[in-house]
Amino acid sequence: MKHKLGLRSFRKRLGFSTDEIAEKLGCIKSTYFSWENGRREPPLEIIRKLFVLGATVEELFGVKATTSLPPKAEFEKQVWLALVKIIEDCGATLSAKAP
């Protein structure tokens, strides 16, 4: 199962076109567009670049900020669960492609 990251809202918050954000990330527009639309997942290096550009965990992974923040341990657990799910899905995709 693919995870649709919050790339569109992040890109719009920065005021970038798809061409501009693709250039910043070092990829072609169609590749970025497939990530933004949830057809493909970006590699971890691209996620790192998104954080360098100012993306937040909340924006990318949908961890909702509330008026009263959850305890730090609960927040970290939510983040780790989201990351583990993405890594597991990537592994399943790689296994399916293996000969």
Protein backbone atom coordinates (compact mmCIF):
# COMPACT_ATOMS: atom_id res chain seq x y z
CA MET A 1 0.00 0.00 0.00
CA LYS A 2 1.37 3.39 -0.96
CA HIS A 3 1.31 6.29 1.46
CA LYS A 4 0.31 9.60 -0.01
CA LEU A 5 2.64 12.05 1.65
CA GLY A 6 1.70 15.68 2.18
CA LEU A 7 3.93 16.86 -0.66
CA ARG A 8 1.37 19.04 -2.43
CA SER A 9 0.56 21.15 0.65
CA PHE A 10 4.27 21.45 1.45
CA ARG A 11 5.11 22.55 -2.11
CA LYS A 12 2.27 25.08 -2.13
CA ARG A 13 3.30 26.42 1.29
CA LEU A 14 6.75 27.13 -0.17
CA GLY A 15 5.21 28.66 -3.30
CA PHE A 16 7.02 26.28 -5.68
CA SER A 17 5.74 24.91 -8.96
CA THR A 18 6.25 21.20 -9.62
CA ASP A 19 9.17 22.14 -11.91
CA GLU A 20 10.81 24.19 -9.16
CA ILE A 21 10.47 21.61 -6.39
CA ALA A 22 11.67 18.83 -8.72
CA GLU A 23 14.76 20.90 -9.50
CA LYS A 24 15.40 21.52 -5.78
CA LEU A 25 15.12 17.77 -5.11
CA GLY A 26 17.30 16.82 -8.09
CA CYS A 27 14.69 14.83 -10.01
CA ILE A 28 12.53 15.26 -13.08
CA LYS A 29 9.02 16.70 -12.86
CA SER A 30 7.23 13.45 -13.72
CA THR A 31 9.06 11.59 -10.94
CA TYR A 32 8.15 14.26 -8.39
CA PHE A 33 4.56 14.29 -9.65
CA SER A 34 4.29 10.51 -9.09
CA TRP A 35 5.40 11.04 -5.47
CA GLU A 36 3.00 13.93 -4.94
CA ASN A 37 0.07 11.91 -6.27
CA GLY A 38 0.93 8.82 -4.25
CA ARG A 39 1.72 6.54 -7.18
CA ARG A 40 5.29 6.07 -5.96
CA GLU A 41 7.11 6.72 -2.72
CA PRO A 42 10.20 8.91 -2.67
CA PRO A 43 13.45 7.33 -1.51
CA LEU A 44 14.75 8.20 1.94
CA GLU A 45 17.32 10.59 0.44
CA ILE A 46 14.49 12.67 -1.03
CA ILE A 47 12.63 12.65 2.30
CA ARG A 48 15.84 13.93 3.91
CA LYS A 49 16.01 16.73 1.31
CA LEU A 50 12.38 17.61 2.04
CA PHE A 51 13.23 18.04 5.72
CA VAL A 52 16.22 20.22 4.77
CA LEU A 53 13.82 22.39 2.72
CA GLY A 54 11.64 22.80 5.82
CA ALA A 55 9.07 20.00 5.67
CA THR A 56 7.72 18.81 8.98
CA VAL A 57 6.82 15.31 10.10
CA GLU A 58 3.23 16.51 10.46
CA GLU A 59 3.11 17.71 6.84
CA LEU A 60 4.70 14.67 5.29
CA PHE A 61 3.36 11.83 7.40
CA GLY A 62 0.03 13.21 8.55
CA VAL A 63 0.81 13.21 12.25
CA LYS A 64 -1.70 15.81 13.38
CA ALA A 65 -0.65 18.55 15.75
CA THR A 66 -3.27 19.26 18.38
CA THR A 67 -3.81 22.21 20.68
CA SER A 68 -2.34 20.14 23.50
CA LEU A 69 0.62 18.14 22.32
CA PRO A 70 0.64 14.45 23.20
CA PRO A 71 3.36 13.28 25.55
CA LYS A 72 6.73 13.14 23.81
CA ALA A 73 6.82 9.34 23.99
CA GLU A 74 3.41 9.04 22.27
CA PHE A 75 4.41 11.49 19.54
CA GLU A 76 7.67 9.63 18.91
CA LYS A 77 5.74 6.35 18.79
CA GLN A 78 3.38 7.77 16.12
CA VAL A 79 6.33 8.96 14.03
CA TRP A 80 8.16 5.65 14.33
CA LEU A 81 5.06 3.66 13.43
CA ALA A 82 4.55 5.79 10.31
CA LEU A 83 8.21 5.35 9.29
CA VAL A 84 8.19 1.60 9.97
CA LYS A 85 5.07 1.19 7.82
CA ILE A 86 6.71 3.03 4.92
CA ILE A 87 9.89 0.95 5.22
CA GLU A 88 7.86 -2.29 5.39
CA ASP A 89 5.92 -1.28 2.29
CA CYS A 90 9.18 -0.52 0.48
CA GLY A 91 10.52 -3.93 1.46
CA ALA A 92 7.36 -5.64 0.19
CA THR A 93 7.72 -3.77 -3.09
CA LEU A 94 11.36 -4.85 -3.42
CA SER A 95 10.48 -8.47 -2.56
CA ALA A 96 7.77 -8.49 -5.21
CA LYS A 97 10.31 -7.34 -7.81
CA ALA A 98 12.96 -9.90 -6.85
CA PRO A 99 13.48 -12.77 -9.30
